[in-house]
Amino acid sequence: MNKRMVIPFLIVIMTVLLLAGTAFAHAVFFQCWNNGDGTLSCEGGYTDGSSAAGATVNVTDDGGALLFSGKLDKSGELRFNKPSGDFTVTLDGGAGHSVIINSKDIK
Protein backbone atom coordinates (compact mmCIF):
# COMPACT_ATOMS: atom_id res chain seq x y z
CA MET A 1 0.00 0.00 0.00
CA ASN A 2 1.20 3.48 -0.85
CA LYS A 3 2.45 5.42 2.21
CA ARG A 4 0.17 8.34 1.34
CA MET A 5 -2.85 6.04 1.55
CA VAL A 6 -2.10 4.55 4.98
CA ILE A 7 -3.45 7.46 7.08
CA PRO A 8 -6.73 7.89 5.13
CA PHE A 9 -7.21 4.11 5.19
CA LEU A 10 -6.73 4.00 8.98
CA ILE A 11 -9.16 6.91 9.43
CA VAL A 12 -11.81 5.07 7.43
CA ILE A 13 -11.29 1.85 9.41
CA MET A 14 -11.47 3.66 12.76
CA THR A 15 -14.66 5.48 11.72
CA VAL A 16 -16.31 2.21 10.69
CA LEU A 17 -15.35 0.57 13.98
CA LEU A 18 -16.68 3.50 16.03
CA LEU A 19 -19.97 3.53 14.14
CA ALA A 20 -20.35 -0.23 14.52
CA GLY A 21 -20.06 0.14 18.31
CA THR A 22 -22.84 2.70 18.30
CA ALA A 23 -25.08 0.40 16.28
CA PHE A 24 -24.82 -2.28 18.96
CA ALA A 25 -25.61 0.06 21.87
CA HIS A 26 -28.89 -0.54 23.65
CA ALA A 27 -31.80 1.81 24.15
CA VAL A 28 -34.38 1.79 26.92
CA PHE A 29 -38.07 1.01 26.45
CA PHE A 30 -40.79 1.80 28.97
CA GLN A 31 -44.55 1.43 28.85
CA CYS A 32 -47.38 1.87 31.33
CA TRP A 33 -50.99 0.74 31.21
CA ASN A 34 -54.16 1.13 33.26
CA ASN A 35 -55.20 -2.10 34.98
CA GLY A 36 -58.77 -0.85 35.33
CA ASP A 37 -58.79 -1.43 39.10
CA GLY A 38 -57.35 1.90 40.23
CA THR A 39 -53.76 0.78 39.62
CA LEU A 40 -51.22 1.25 36.86
CA SER A 41 -48.53 -1.17 35.75
CA CYS A 42 -45.29 -0.20 34.07
CA GLU A 43 -42.61 -2.31 32.43
CA GLY A 44 -39.11 -1.34 31.39
CA GLY A 45 -36.14 -2.95 29.73
CA TYR A 46 -33.49 -2.47 27.09
CA THR A 47 -33.59 -3.24 23.40
CA ASP A 48 -30.74 -5.72 23.81
CA GLY A 49 -33.07 -7.88 25.92
CA SER A 50 -31.61 -6.99 29.31
CA SER A 51 -33.89 -6.08 32.18
CA ALA A 52 -34.22 -2.62 33.70
CA ALA A 53 -34.70 -4.22 37.12
CA GLY A 54 -33.89 -1.80 39.90
CA ALA A 55 -34.44 1.28 37.75
CA THR A 56 -36.22 4.12 39.53
CA VAL A 57 -39.71 5.19 38.48
CA ASN A 58 -40.98 8.58 39.68
CA VAL A 59 -44.53 9.86 39.38
CA THR A 60 -44.93 13.63 39.60
CA ASP A 61 -47.86 16.01 39.30
CA ASP A 62 -47.97 18.92 36.85
CA GLY A 63 -46.20 21.13 39.38
CA GLY A 64 -43.31 18.66 39.73
CA ALA A 65 -44.29 17.42 43.20
CA LEU A 66 -43.37 13.77 43.78
CA LEU A 67 -46.48 11.61 44.12
CA PHE A 68 -44.82 8.18 44.09
CA SER A 69 -41.37 6.68 43.71
CA GLY A 70 -40.52 3.02 43.26
CA LYS A 71 -38.14 0.61 41.56
CA LEU A 72 -38.77 -1.94 38.85
CA ASP A 73 -38.77 -5.49 40.25
CA LYS A 74 -36.58 -8.34 38.99
CA SER A 75 -38.95 -8.76 36.03
CA GLY A 76 -38.65 -5.08 35.15
CA GLU A 77 -42.21 -4.34 36.31
CA LEU A 78 -43.88 -2.03 38.83
CA ARG A 79 -47.50 -1.65 39.94
CA PHE A 80 -48.82 1.35 41.86
CA ASN A 81 -52.04 3.21 42.67
CA LYS A 82 -53.17 5.56 39.92
CA PRO A 83 -52.89 9.19 41.04
CA SER A 84 -55.83 11.50 40.47
CA GLY A 85 -55.46 14.35 38.01
CA ASP A 86 -52.70 14.79 35.44
CA PHE A 87 -49.28 13.32 36.18
CA THR A 88 -46.05 12.20 34.57
CA VAL A 89 -44.29 8.84 34.97
CA THR A 90 -40.51 8.93 34.50
CA LEU A 91 -38.17 5.95 34.24
CA ASP A 92 -34.54 6.66 35.11
CA GLY A 93 -32.65 3.84 33.41
CA GLY A 94 -29.22 5.32 34.20
CA ALA A 95 -26.45 6.30 31.78
CA GLY A 96 -28.66 8.87 30.08
CA HIS A 97 -31.51 6.43 29.58
CA SER A 98 -34.77 8.03 30.66
CA VAL A 99 -38.33 7.84 29.38
CA ILE A 100 -41.17 10.18 30.29
CA ILE A 101 -44.83 9.18 29.88
CA ASN A 102 -47.67 11.65 30.29
CA SER A 103 -50.77 10.34 32.07
CA LYS A 104 -52.87 11.22 29.02
CA ASP A 105 -50.90 8.62 27.03
CA ILE A 106 -51.59 5.76 29.45
CA LYS A 107 -54.47 3.57 28.23
PDB file of N, CA and C in Angstrom:
ATOM      1  N   MET A   1       0.843  -1.170   0.000  1.00  0.00           N
ATOM      2  CA  MET A   1       0.000   0.000   0.000  1.00  0.00           C
ATOM      3  C   MET A   1       0.892   1.238   0.000  1.00  0.00           C
ATOM      4  N   ASN A   2       0.504   2.220  -0.742  1.00  0.00           N
ATOM      5  CA  ASN A   2       1.203   3.484  -0.846  1.00  0.00           C
ATOM      6  C   ASN A   2       1.210   4.175   0.513  1.00  0.00           C
ATOM      7  N   LYS A   3       2.345   4.761   0.910  1.00  0.00           N
ATOM      8  CA  LYS A   3       2.455   5.418   2.212  1.00  0.00           C
ATOM      9  C   LYS A   3       1.446   6.556   2.366  1.00  0.00           C
ATOM     10  N   ARG A   4       1.128   7.236   1.272  1.00  0.00           N
ATOM     11  CA  ARG A   4       0.170   8.343   1.338  1.00  0.00           C
ATOM     12  C   ARG A   4      -1.245   7.835   1.617  1.00  0.00           C
ATOM     13  N   MET A   5      -1.505   6.602   1.375  1.00  0.00           N
ATOM     14  CA  MET A   5      -2.846   6.041   1.551  1.00  0.00           C
ATOM     15  C   MET A   5      -3.061   5.424   2.938  1.00  0.00           C
ATOM     16  N   VAL A   6      -1.992   5.215   3.693  1.00  0.00           N
ATOM     17  CA  VAL A   6      -2.101   4.549   4.985  1.00  0.00           C
ATOM     18  C   VAL A   6      -2.966   5.353   5.967  1.00  0.00           C
ATOM     19  N   ILE A   7      -2.693   6.632   6.129  1.00  0.00           N
ATOM     20  CA  ILE A   7      -3.448   7.456   7.083  1.00  0.00           C
ATOM     21  C   ILE A   7      -4.930   7.529   6.713  1.00  0.00           C
ATOM     22  N   PRO A   8      -5.301   7.874   5.465  1.00  0.00           N
ATOM     23  CA  PRO A   8      -6.733   7.887   5.129  1.00  0.00           C
ATOM     24  C   PRO A   8      -7.392   6.519   5.332  1.00  0.00           C
ATOM     25  N   PHE A   9      -6.676   5.455   5.012  1.00  0.00           N
ATOM     26  CA  PHE A   9      -7.206   4.113   5.194  1.00  0.00           C
ATOM     27  C   PHE A   9      -7.480   3.839   6.676  1.00  0.00           C
ATOM     28  N   LEU A  10      -6.544   4.203   7.543  1.00  0.00           N
ATOM     29  CA  LEU A  10      -6.728   4.001   8.978  1.00  0.00           C
ATOM     30  C   LEU A  10      -7.888   4.846   9.517  1.00  0.00           C
ATOM     31  N   ILE A  11      -8.046   6.053   9.006  1.00  0.00           N
ATOM     32  CA  ILE A  11      -9.156   6.912   9.433  1.00  0.00           C
ATOM     33  C   ILE A  11     -10.486   6.269   9.065  1.00  0.00           C
ATOM     34  N   VAL A  12     -10.580   5.734   7.868  1.00  0.00           N
ATOM     35  CA  VAL A  12     -11.813   5.073   7.432  1.00  0.00           C
ATOM     36  C   VAL A  12     -12.103   3.853   8.309  1.00  0.00           C
ATOM     37  N   ILE A  13     -11.111   3.052   8.576  1.00  0.00           N
ATOM     38  CA  ILE A  13     -11.286   1.853   9.406  1.00  0.00           C
ATOM     39  C   ILE A  13     -11.733   2.234  10.819  1.00  0.00           C
ATOM     40  N   MET A  14     -11.099   3.237  11.412  1.00  0.00           N
ATOM     41  CA  MET A  14     -11.470   3.661  12.762  1.00  0.00           C
ATOM     42  C   MET A  14     -12.902   4.200  12.796  1.00  0.00           C
ATOM     43  N   THR A  15     -13.295   4.946  11.785  1.00  0.00           N
ATOM     44  CA  THR A  15     -14.656   5.478  11.716  1.00  0.00           C
ATOM     45  C   THR A  15     -15.672   4.345  11.644  1.00  0.00           C
ATOM     46  N   VAL A  16     -15.408   3.362  10.819  1.00  0.00           N
ATOM     47  CA  VAL A  16     -16.309   2.215  10.690  1.00  0.00           C
ATOM     48  C   VAL A  16     -16.425   1.472  12.020  1.00  0.00           C
ATOM     49  N   LEU A  17     -15.325   1.272  12.698  1.00  0.00           N
ATOM     50  CA  LEU A  17     -15.351   0.573  13.984  1.00  0.00           C
ATOM     51  C   LEU A  17     -16.123   1.361  15.038  1.00  0.00           C
ATOM     52  N   LEU A  18     -15.950   2.671  15.071  1.00  0.00           N
ATOM     53  CA  LEU A  18     -16.685   3.497  16.029  1.00  0.00           C
ATOM     54  C   LEU A  18     -18.177   3.481  15.750  1.00  0.00           C
ATOM     55  N   LEU A  19     -18.556   3.551  14.491  1.00  0.00           N
ATOM     56  CA  LEU A  19     -19.973   3.528  14.136  1.00  0.00           C
ATOM     57  C   LEU A  19     -20.594   2.164  14.420  1.00  0.00           C
ATOM     58  N   ALA A  20     -19.842   1.112  14.236  1.00  0.00           N
ATOM     59  CA  ALA A  20     -20.354  -0.232  14.519  1.00  0.00           C
ATOM     60  C   ALA A  20     -20.652  -0.378  16.008  1.00  0.00           C
ATOM     61  N   GLY A  21     -19.812   0.188  16.867  1.00  0.00           N
ATOM     62  CA  GLY A  21     -20.058   0.135  18.306  1.00  0.00           C
ATOM     63  C   GLY A  21     -21.340   0.846  18.684  1.00  0.00           C
ATOM     64  N   THR A  22     -21.612   1.962  18.044  1.00  0.00           N
ATOM     65  CA  THR A  22     -22.840   2.703  18.302  1.00  0.00           C
ATOM     66  C   THR A  22     -24.055   1.902  17.873  1.00  0.00           C
ATOM     67  N   ALA A  23     -23.956   1.188  16.787  1.00  0.00           N
ATOM     68  CA  ALA A  23     -25.082   0.401  16.281  1.00  0.00           C
ATOM     69  C   ALA A  23     -25.477  -0.707  17.251  1.00  0.00           C
ATOM     70  N   PHE A  24     -24.528  -1.201  18.033  1.00  0.00           N
ATOM     71  CA  PHE A  24     -24.816  -2.283  18.965  1.00  0.00           C
ATOM     72  C   PHE A  24     -25.188  -1.791  20.364  1.00  0.00           C
ATOM     73  N   ALA A  25     -25.213  -0.484  20.576  1.00  0.00           N
ATOM     74  CA  ALA A  25     -25.615   0.057  21.870  1.00  0.00           C
ATOM     75  C   ALA A  25     -27.095  -0.239  22.105  1.00  0.00           C
ATOM     76  N   HIS A  26     -27.490  -0.252  23.364  1.00  0.00           N
ATOM     77  CA  HIS A  26     -28.894  -0.539  23.649  1.00  0.00           C
ATOM     78  C   HIS A  26     -29.643   0.730  24.042  1.00  0.00           C
ATOM     79  N   ALA A  27     -30.916   0.702  23.778  1.00  0.00           N
ATOM     80  CA  ALA A  27     -31.803   1.807  24.147  1.00  0.00           C
ATOM     81  C   ALA A  27     -32.821   1.276  25.150  1.00  0.00           C
ATOM     82  N   VAL A  28     -33.401   2.177  25.911  1.00  0.00           N
ATOM     83  CA  VAL A  28     -34.377   1.788  26.925  1.00  0.00           C
ATOM     84  C   VAL A  28     -35.786   1.837  26.335  1.00  0.00           C
ATOM     85  N   PHE A  29     -36.643   0.918  26.785  1.00  0.00           N
ATOM     86  CA  PHE A  29     -38.065   1.011  26.452  1.00  0.00           C
ATOM     87  C   PHE A  29     -38.841   1.008  27.764  1.00  0.00           C
ATOM     88  N   PHE A  30     -39.987   1.667  27.762  1.00  0.00           N
ATOM     89  CA  PHE A  30     -40.790   1.801  28.970  1.00  0.00           C
ATOM     90  C   PHE A  30     -42.227   2.017  28.551  1.00  0.00           C
ATOM     91  N   GLN A  31     -43.129   1.276  29.151  1.00  0.00           N
ATOM     92  CA  GLN A  31     -44.552   1.432  28.850  1.00  0.00           C
ATOM     93  C   GLN A  31     -45.357   1.265  30.129  1.00  0.00           C
ATOM     94  N   CYS A  32     -46.472   1.967  30.182  1.00  0.00           N
ATOM     95  CA  CYS A  32     -47.379   1.874  31.326  1.00  0.00           C
ATOM     96  C   CYS A  32     -48.791   1.657  30.813  1.00  0.00           C
ATOM     97  N   TRP A  33     -49.599   0.964  31.596  1.00  0.00           N
ATOM     98  CA  TRP A  33     -50.989   0.740  31.211  1.00  0.00           C
ATOM     99  C   TRP A  33     -51.872   0.768  32.453  1.00  0.00           C
ATOM    100  N   ASN A  34     -53.150   1.064  32.207  1.00  0.00           N
ATOM    101  CA  ASN A  34     -54.160   1.135  33.256  1.00  0.00           C
ATOM    102  C   ASN A  34     -54.733  -0.264  33.460  1.00  0.00           C
ATOM    103  N   ASN A  35     -54.680  -0.765  34.679  1.00  0.00           N
ATOM    104  CA  ASN A  35     -55.202  -2.098  34.978  1.00  0.00           C
ATOM    105  C   ASN A  35     -56.719  -2.110  35.143  1.00  0.00           C
ATOM    106  N   GLY A  36     -57.325  -0.935  35.196  1.00  0.00           N
ATOM    107  CA  GLY A  36     -58.772  -0.852  35.331  1.00  0.00           C
ATOM    108  C   GLY A  36     -59.291  -1.069  36.742  1.00  0.00           C
ATOM    109  N   ASP A  37     -58.388  -1.204  37.702  1.00  0.00           N
ATOM    110  CA  ASP A  37     -58.794  -1.428  39.096  1.00  0.00           C
ATOM    111  C   ASP A  37     -58.248  -0.340  40.026  1.00  0.00           C
ATOM    112  N   GLY A  38     -57.917   0.810  39.444  1.00  0.00           N
ATOM    113  CA  GLY A  38     -57.346   1.901  40.232  1.00  0.00           C
ATOM    114  C   GLY A  38     -55.839   1.845  40.337  1.00  0.00           C
ATOM    115  N   THR A  39     -55.217   0.890  39.621  1.00  0.00           N
ATOM    116  CA  THR A  39     -53.759   0.783  39.624  1.00  0.00           C
ATOM    117  C   THR A  39     -53.223   0.886  38.201  1.00  0.00           C
ATOM    118  N   LEU A  40     -51.951   1.235  38.124  1.00  0.00           N
ATOM    119  CA  LEU A  40     -51.223   1.254  36.857  1.00  0.00           C
ATOM    120  C   LEU A  40     -50.088   0.254  36.955  1.00  0.00           C
ATOM    121  N   SER A  41     -49.711  -0.314  35.826  1.00  0.00           N
ATOM    122  CA  SER A  41     -48.530  -1.168  35.751  1.00  0.00           C
ATOM    123  C   SER A  41     -47.592  -0.576  34.719  1.00  0.00           C
ATOM    124  N   CYS A  42     -46.311  -0.670  35.000  1.00  0.00           N
ATOM    125  CA  CYS A  42     -45.290  -0.198  34.067  1.00  0.00           C
ATOM    126  C   CYS A  42     -44.249  -1.299  33.904  1.00  0.00           C
ATOM    127  N   GLU A  43     -43.643  -1.325  32.740  1.00  0.00           N
ATOM    128  CA  GLU A  43     -42.612  -2.315  32.435  1.00  0.00           C
ATOM    129  C   GLU A  43     -41.490  -1.618  31.688  1.00  0.00           C
ATOM    130  N   GLY A  44     -40.259  -1.947  32.053  1.00  0.00           N
ATOM    131  CA  GLY A  44     -39.107  -1.341  31.392  1.00  0.00           C
ATOM    132  C   GLY A  44     -38.031  -2.363  31.110  1.00  0.00           C
ATOM    133  N   GLY A  45     -37.258  -2.088  30.096  1.00  0.00           N
ATOM    134  CA  GLY A  45     -36.143  -2.948  29.729  1.00  0.00           C
ATOM    135  C   GLY A  45     -35.295  -2.255  28.686  1.00  0.00           C
ATOM    136  N   TYR A  46     -34.383  -3.004  28.106  1.00  0.00           N
ATOM    137  CA  TYR A  46     -33.486  -2.467  27.090  1.00  0.00           C
ATOM    138  C   TYR A  46     -33.647  -3.263  25.805  1.00  0.00           C
ATOM    139  N   THR A  47     -33.385  -2.605  24.697  1.00  0.00           N
ATOM    140  CA  THR A  47     -33.590  -3.240  23.396  1.00  0.00           C
ATOM    141  C   THR A  47     -32.657  -4.419  23.154  1.00  0.00           C
ATOM    142  N   ASP A  48     -31.616  -4.558  23.959  1.00  0.00           N
ATOM    143  CA  ASP A  48     -30.736  -5.720  23.806  1.00  0.00           C
ATOM    144  C   ASP A  48     -31.260  -6.928  24.579  1.00  0.00           C
ATOM    145  N   GLY A  49     -32.454  -6.773  25.195  1.00  0.00           N
ATOM    146  CA  GLY A  49     -33.068  -7.881  25.920  1.00  0.00           C
ATOM    147  C   GLY A  49     -32.791  -7.883  27.410  1.00  0.00           C
ATOM    148  N   SER A  50     -31.910  -7.019  27.879  1.00  0.00           N
ATOM    149  CA  SER A  50     -31.614  -6.995  29.309  1.00  0.00           C
ATOM    150  C   SER A  50     -32.713  -6.270  30.079  1.00  0.00           C
ATOM    151  N   SER A  51     -32.845  -6.632  31.319  1.00  0.00           N
ATOM    152  CA  SER A  51     -33.888  -6.078  32.183  1.00  0.00           C
ATOM    153  C   SER A  51     -33.472  -4.715  32.725  1.00  0.00           C
ATOM    154  N   ALA A  52     -34.468  -3.896  33.026  1.00  0.00           N
ATOM    155  CA  ALA A  52     -34.216  -2.616  33.696  1.00  0.00           C
ATOM    156  C   ALA A  52     -34.515  -2.750  35.189  1.00  0.00           C
ATOM    157  N   ALA A  53     -34.425  -3.969  35.702  1.00  0.00           N
ATOM    158  CA  ALA A  53     -34.695  -4.225  37.120  1.00  0.00           C
ATOM    159  C   ALA A  53     -33.888  -3.273  37.990  1.00  0.00           C
ATOM    160  N   GLY A  54     -34.554  -2.717  38.994  1.00  0.00           N
ATOM    161  CA  GLY A  54     -33.886  -1.797  39.905  1.00  0.00           C
ATOM    162  C   GLY A  54     -33.915  -0.347  39.461  1.00  0.00           C
ATOM    163  N   ALA A  55     -34.360  -0.097  38.236  1.00  0.00           N
ATOM    164  CA  ALA A  55     -34.435   1.281  37.752  1.00  0.00           C
ATOM    165  C   ALA A  55     -35.523   2.031  38.515  1.00  0.00           C
ATOM    166  N   THR A  56     -35.284   3.293  38.771  1.00  0.00           N
ATOM    167  CA  THR A  56     -36.224   4.120  39.526  1.00  0.00           C
ATOM    168  C   THR A  56     -37.329   4.669  38.635  1.00  0.00           C
ATOM    169  N   VAL A  57     -38.547   4.609  39.150  1.00  0.00           N
ATOM    170  CA  VAL A  57     -39.714   5.190  38.481  1.00  0.00           C
ATOM    171  C   VAL A  57     -40.277   6.259  39.416  1.00  0.00           C
ATOM    172  N   ASN A  58     -40.397   7.478  38.912  1.00  0.00           N
ATOM    173  CA  ASN A  58     -40.975   8.578  39.684  1.00  0.00           C
ATOM    174  C   ASN A  58     -42.260   9.045  39.026  1.00  0.00           C
ATOM    175  N   VAL A  59     -43.257   9.313  39.848  1.00  0.00           N
ATOM    176  CA  VAL A  59     -44.527   9.859  39.375  1.00  0.00           C
ATOM    177  C   VAL A  59     -44.655  11.250  39.990  1.00  0.00           C
ATOM    178  N   THR A  60     -44.827  12.252  39.133  1.00  0.00           N
ATOM    179  CA  THR A  60     -44.933  13.632  39.596  1.00  0.00           C
ATOM    180  C   THR A  60     -46.198  14.280  39.052  1.00  0.00           C
ATOM    181  N   ASP A  61     -46.696  15.265  39.791  1.00  0.00           N
ATOM    182  CA  ASP A  61     -47.859  16.005  39.297  1.00  0.00           C
ATOM    183  C   ASP A  61     -47.382  17.105  38.349  1.00  0.00           C
ATOM    184  N   ASP A  62     -48.324  17.879  37.811  1.00  0.00           N
ATOM    185  CA  ASP A  62     -47.968  18.921  36.848  1.00  0.00           C
ATOM    186  C   ASP A  62     -47.050  19.991  37.424  1.00  0.00           C
ATOM    187  N   GLY A  63     -47.075  20.161  38.736  1.00  0.00           N
ATOM    188  CA  GLY A  63     -46.201  21.135  39.382  1.00  0.00           C
ATOM    189  C   GLY A  63     -44.833  20.578  39.725  1.00  0.00           C
ATOM    190  N   GLY A  64     -44.600  19.287  39.445  1.00  0.00           N
ATOM    191  CA  GLY A  64     -43.313  18.659  39.731  1.00  0.00           C
ATOM    192  C   GLY A  64     -43.218  18.007  41.098  1.00  0.00           C
ATOM    193  N   ALA A  65     -44.309  18.050  41.874  1.00  0.00           N
ATOM    194  CA  ALA A  65     -44.294  17.415  43.200  1.00  0.00           C
ATOM    195  C   ALA A  65     -44.304  15.892  43.051  1.00  0.00           C
ATOM    196  N   LEU A  66     -43.466  15.231  43.828  1.00  0.00           N
ATOM    197  CA  LEU A  66     -43.366  13.772  43.781  1.00  0.00           C
ATOM    198  C   LEU A  66     -44.597  13.140  44.417  1.00  0.00           C
ATOM    199  N   LEU A  67     -45.296  12.317  43.643  1.00  0.00           N
ATOM    200  CA  LEU A  67     -46.483  11.610  44.123  1.00  0.00           C
ATOM    201  C   LEU A  67     -46.170  10.177  44.527  1.00  0.00           C
ATOM    202  N   PHE A  68     -45.189   9.580  43.844  1.00  0.00           N
ATOM    203  CA  PHE A  68     -44.824   8.179  44.087  1.00  0.00           C
ATOM    204  C   PHE A  68     -43.427   7.948  43.534  1.00  0.00           C
ATOM    205  N   SER A  69     -42.671   7.110  44.209  1.00  0.00           N
ATOM    206  CA  SER A  69     -41.367   6.684  43.715  1.00  0.00           C
ATOM    207  C   SER A  69     -41.208   5.201  44.031  1.00  0.00           C
ATOM    208  N   GLY A  70     -40.731   4.443  43.065  1.00  0.00           N
ATOM    209  CA  GLY A  70     -40.520   3.017  43.264  1.00  0.00           C
ATOM    210  C   GLY A  70     -39.451   2.511  42.320  1.00  0.00           C
ATOM    211  N   LYS A  71     -39.151   1.237  42.425  1.00  0.00           N
ATOM    212  CA  LYS A  71     -38.144   0.614  41.560  1.00  0.00           C
ATOM    213  C   LYS A  71     -38.760  -0.569  40.833  1.00  0.00           C
ATOM    214  N   LEU A  72     -38.315  -0.783  39.608  1.00  0.00           N
ATOM    215  CA  LEU A  72     -38.773  -1.944  38.851  1.00  0.00           C
ATOM    216  C   LEU A  72     -38.286  -3.211  39.543  1.00  0.00           C
ATOM    217  N   ASP A  73     -39.138  -4.227  39.615  1.00  0.00           N
ATOM    218  CA  ASP A  73     -38.767  -5.490  40.253  1.00  0.00           C
ATOM    219  C   ASP A  73     -37.848  -6.300  39.341  1.00  0.00           C
ATOM    220  N   LYS A  74     -37.526  -7.519  39.750  1.00  0.00           N
ATOM    221  CA  LYS A  74     -36.579  -8.345  38.987  1.00  0.00           C
ATOM    222  C   LYS A  74     -37.074  -8.676  37.585  1.00  0.00           C
ATOM    223  N   SER A  75     -38.381  -8.548  37.362  1.00  0.00           N
ATOM    224  CA  SER A  75     -38.951  -8.764  36.027  1.00  0.00           C
ATOM    225  C   SER A  75     -39.032  -7.469  35.228  1.00  0.00           C
ATOM    226  N   GLY A  76     -38.586  -6.371  35.827  1.00  0.00           N
ATOM    227  CA  GLY A  76     -38.648  -5.078  35.153  1.00  0.00           C
ATOM    228  C   GLY A  76     -40.035  -4.462  35.193  1.00  0.00           C
ATOM    229  N   GLU A  77     -40.832  -4.822  36.212  1.00  0.00           N
ATOM    230  CA  GLU A  77     -42.209  -4.337  36.308  1.00  0.00           C
ATOM    231  C   GLU A  77     -42.449  -3.615  37.631  1.00  0.00           C
ATOM    232  N   LEU A  78     -43.480  -2.766  37.633  1.00  0.00           N
ATOM    233  CA  LEU A  78     -43.880  -2.032  38.828  1.00  0.00           C
ATOM    234  C   LEU A  78     -45.368  -1.749  38.746  1.00  0.00           C
ATOM    235  N   ARG A  79     -46.057  -1.931  39.866  1.00  0.00           N
ATOM    236  CA  ARG A  79     -47.497  -1.652  39.942  1.00  0.00           C
ATOM    237  C   ARG A  79     -47.712  -0.661  41.081  1.00  0.00           C
ATOM    238  N   PHE A  80     -48.563   0.343  40.842  1.00  0.00           N
ATOM    239  CA  PHE A  80     -48.824   1.351  41.865  1.00  0.00           C
ATOM    240  C   PHE A  80     -50.219   1.928  41.677  1.00  0.00           C
ATOM    241  N   ASN A  81     -50.722   2.590  42.726  1.00  0.00           N
ATOM    242  CA  ASN A  81     -52.039   3.212  42.670  1.00  0.00           C
ATOM    243  C   ASN A  81     -52.023   4.387  41.697  1.00  0.00           C
ATOM    244  N   LYS A  82     -53.070   4.478  40.902  1.00  0.00           N
ATOM    245  CA  LYS A  82     -53.174   5.556  39.920  1.00  0.00           C
ATOM    246  C   LYS A  82     -53.469   6.874  40.638  1.00  0.00           C
ATOM    247  N   PRO A  83     -52.617   7.878  40.439  1.00  0.00           N
ATOM    248  CA  PRO A  83     -52.889   9.187  41.043  1.00  0.00           C
ATOM    249  C   PRO A  83     -54.091   9.854  40.373  1.00  0.00           C
ATOM    250  N   SER A  84     -54.736  10.742  41.087  1.00  0.00           N
ATOM    251  CA  SER A  84     -55.825  11.503  40.474  1.00  0.00           C
ATOM    252  C   SER A  84     -55.226  12.710  39.751  1.00  0.00           C
ATOM    253  N   GLY A  85     -55.932  13.204  38.767  1.00  0.00           N
ATOM    254  CA  GLY A  85     -55.455  14.354  38.005  1.00  0.00           C
ATOM    255  C   GLY A  85     -54.372  13.975  37.010  1.00  0.00           C
ATOM    256  N   ASP A  86     -53.767  15.007  36.420  1.00  0.00           N
ATOM    257  CA  ASP A  86     -52.697  14.787  35.442  1.00  0.00           C
ATOM    258  C   ASP A  86     -51.372  14.538  36.158  1.00  0.00           C
ATOM    259  N   PHE A  87     -50.569  13.662  35.595  1.00  0.00           N
ATOM    260  CA  PHE A  87     -49.277  13.324  36.184  1.00  0.00           C
ATOM    261  C   PHE A  87     -48.337  12.841  35.093  1.00  0.00           C
ATOM    262  N   THR A  88     -47.081  12.682  35.473  1.00  0.00           N
ATOM    263  CA  THR A  88     -46.045  12.197  34.569  1.00  0.00           C
ATOM    264  C   THR A  88     -45.322  11.039  35.240  1.00  0.00           C
ATOM    265  N   VAL A  89     -45.051   9.989  34.476  1.00  0.00           N
ATOM    266  CA  VAL A  89     -44.292   8.837  34.968  1.00  0.00           C
ATOM    267  C   VAL A  89     -42.938   8.863  34.268  1.00  0.00           C
ATOM    268  N   THR A  90     -41.862   8.852  35.056  1.00  0.00           N
ATOM    269  CA  THR A  90     -40.514   8.927  34.497  1.00  0.00           C
ATOM    270  C   THR A  90     -39.699   7.717  34.932  1.00  0.00           C
ATOM    271  N   LEU A  91     -39.103   7.042  33.960  1.00  0.00           N
ATOM    272  CA  LEU A  91     -38.167   5.948  34.238  1.00  0.00           C
ATOM    273  C   LEU A  91     -36.761   6.498  34.115  1.00  0.00           C
ATOM    274  N   ASP A  92     -35.952   6.300  35.153  1.00  0.00           N
ATOM    275  CA  ASP A  92     -34.537   6.659  35.107  1.00  0.00           C
ATOM    276  C   ASP A  92     -33.755   5.367  34.952  1.00  0.00           C
ATOM    277  N   GLY A  93     -33.372   5.067  33.706  1.00  0.00           N
ATOM    278  CA  GLY A  93     -32.651   3.840  33.414  1.00  0.00           C
ATOM    279  C   GLY A  93     -31.148   3.969  33.549  1.00  0.00           C
ATOM    280  N   GLY A  94     -30.656   5.112  34.041  1.00  0.00           N
ATOM    281  CA  GLY A  94     -29.224   5.324  34.204  1.00  0.00           C
ATOM    282  C   GLY A  94     -28.524   5.567  32.879  1.00  0.00           C
ATOM    283  N   ALA A  95     -27.309   6.052  32.953  1.00  0.00           N
ATOM    284  CA  ALA A  95     -26.455   6.296  31.776  1.00  0.00           C
ATOM    285  C   ALA A  95     -27.183   7.057  30.671  1.00  0.00           C
ATOM    286  N   GLY A  96     -27.957   8.061  31.069  1.00  0.00           N
ATOM    287  CA  GLY A  96     -28.661   8.870  30.079  1.00  0.00           C
ATOM    288  C   GLY A  96     -29.913   8.238  29.511  1.00  0.00           C
ATOM    289  N   HIS A  97     -30.305   7.106  30.045  1.00  0.00           N
ATOM    290  CA  HIS A  97     -31.515   6.431  29.579  1.00  0.00           C
ATOM    291  C   HIS A  97     -32.700   6.840  30.449  1.00  0.00           C
ATOM    292  N   SER A  98     -33.555   7.688  29.923  1.00  0.00           N
ATOM    293  CA  SER A  98     -34.771   8.031  30.655  1.00  0.00           C
ATOM    294  C   SER A  98     -35.930   8.125  29.677  1.00  0.00           C
ATOM    295  N   VAL A  99     -37.102   7.786  30.189  1.00  0.00           N
ATOM    296  CA  VAL A  99     -38.327   7.838  29.383  1.00  0.00           C
ATOM    297  C   VAL A  99     -39.386   8.529  30.230  1.00  0.00           C
ATOM    298  N   ILE A 100     -40.113   9.447  29.611  1.00  0.00           N
ATOM    299  CA  ILE A 100     -41.175  10.179  30.294  1.00  0.00           C
ATOM    300  C   ILE A 100     -42.499   9.869  29.611  1.00  0.00           C
ATOM    301  N   ILE A 101     -43.495   9.477  30.411  1.00  0.00           N
ATOM    302  CA  ILE A 101     -44.827   9.175  29.881  1.00  0.00           C
ATOM    303  C   ILE A 101     -45.836  10.087  30.569  1.00  0.00           C
ATOM    304  N   ASN A 102     -46.613  10.798  29.777  1.00  0.00           N
ATOM    305  CA  ASN A 102     -47.670  11.655  30.292  1.00  0.00           C
ATOM    306  C   ASN A 102     -48.895  10.800  30.604  1.00  0.00           C
ATOM    307  N   SER A 103     -49.607  11.131  31.671  1.00  0.00           N
ATOM    308  CA  SER A 103     -50.774  10.341  32.073  1.00  0.00           C
ATOM    309  C   SER A 103     -51.815  10.242  30.962  1.00  0.00           C
ATOM    310  N   LYS A 104     -51.896  11.240  30.112  1.00  0.00           N
ATOM    311  CA  LYS A 104     -52.871  11.222  29.015  1.00  0.00           C
ATOM    312  C   LYS A 104     -52.556  10.149  27.978  1.00  0.00           C
ATOM    313  N   ASP A 105     -51.312   9.654  27.988  1.00  0.00           N
ATOM    314  CA  ASP A 105     -50.903   8.624  27.029  1.00  0.00           C
ATOM    315  C   ASP A 105     -51.026   7.213  27.585  1.00  0.00           C
ATOM    316  N   ILE A 106     -51.450   7.077  28.828  1.00  0.00           N
ATOM    317  CA  ILE A 106     -51.594   5.757  29.453  1.00  0.00           C
ATOM    318  C   ILE A 106     -53.016   5.263  29.233  1.00  0.00           C
ATOM    319  N   LYS A 107     -53.147   4.145  28.561  1.00  0.00           N
ATOM    320  CA  LYS A 107     -54.467   3.571  28.234  1.00  0.00           C
ATOM    321  C   LYS A 107     -54.757   2.378  29.112  1.00  0.00           C
TER     322      LYS A 107
END
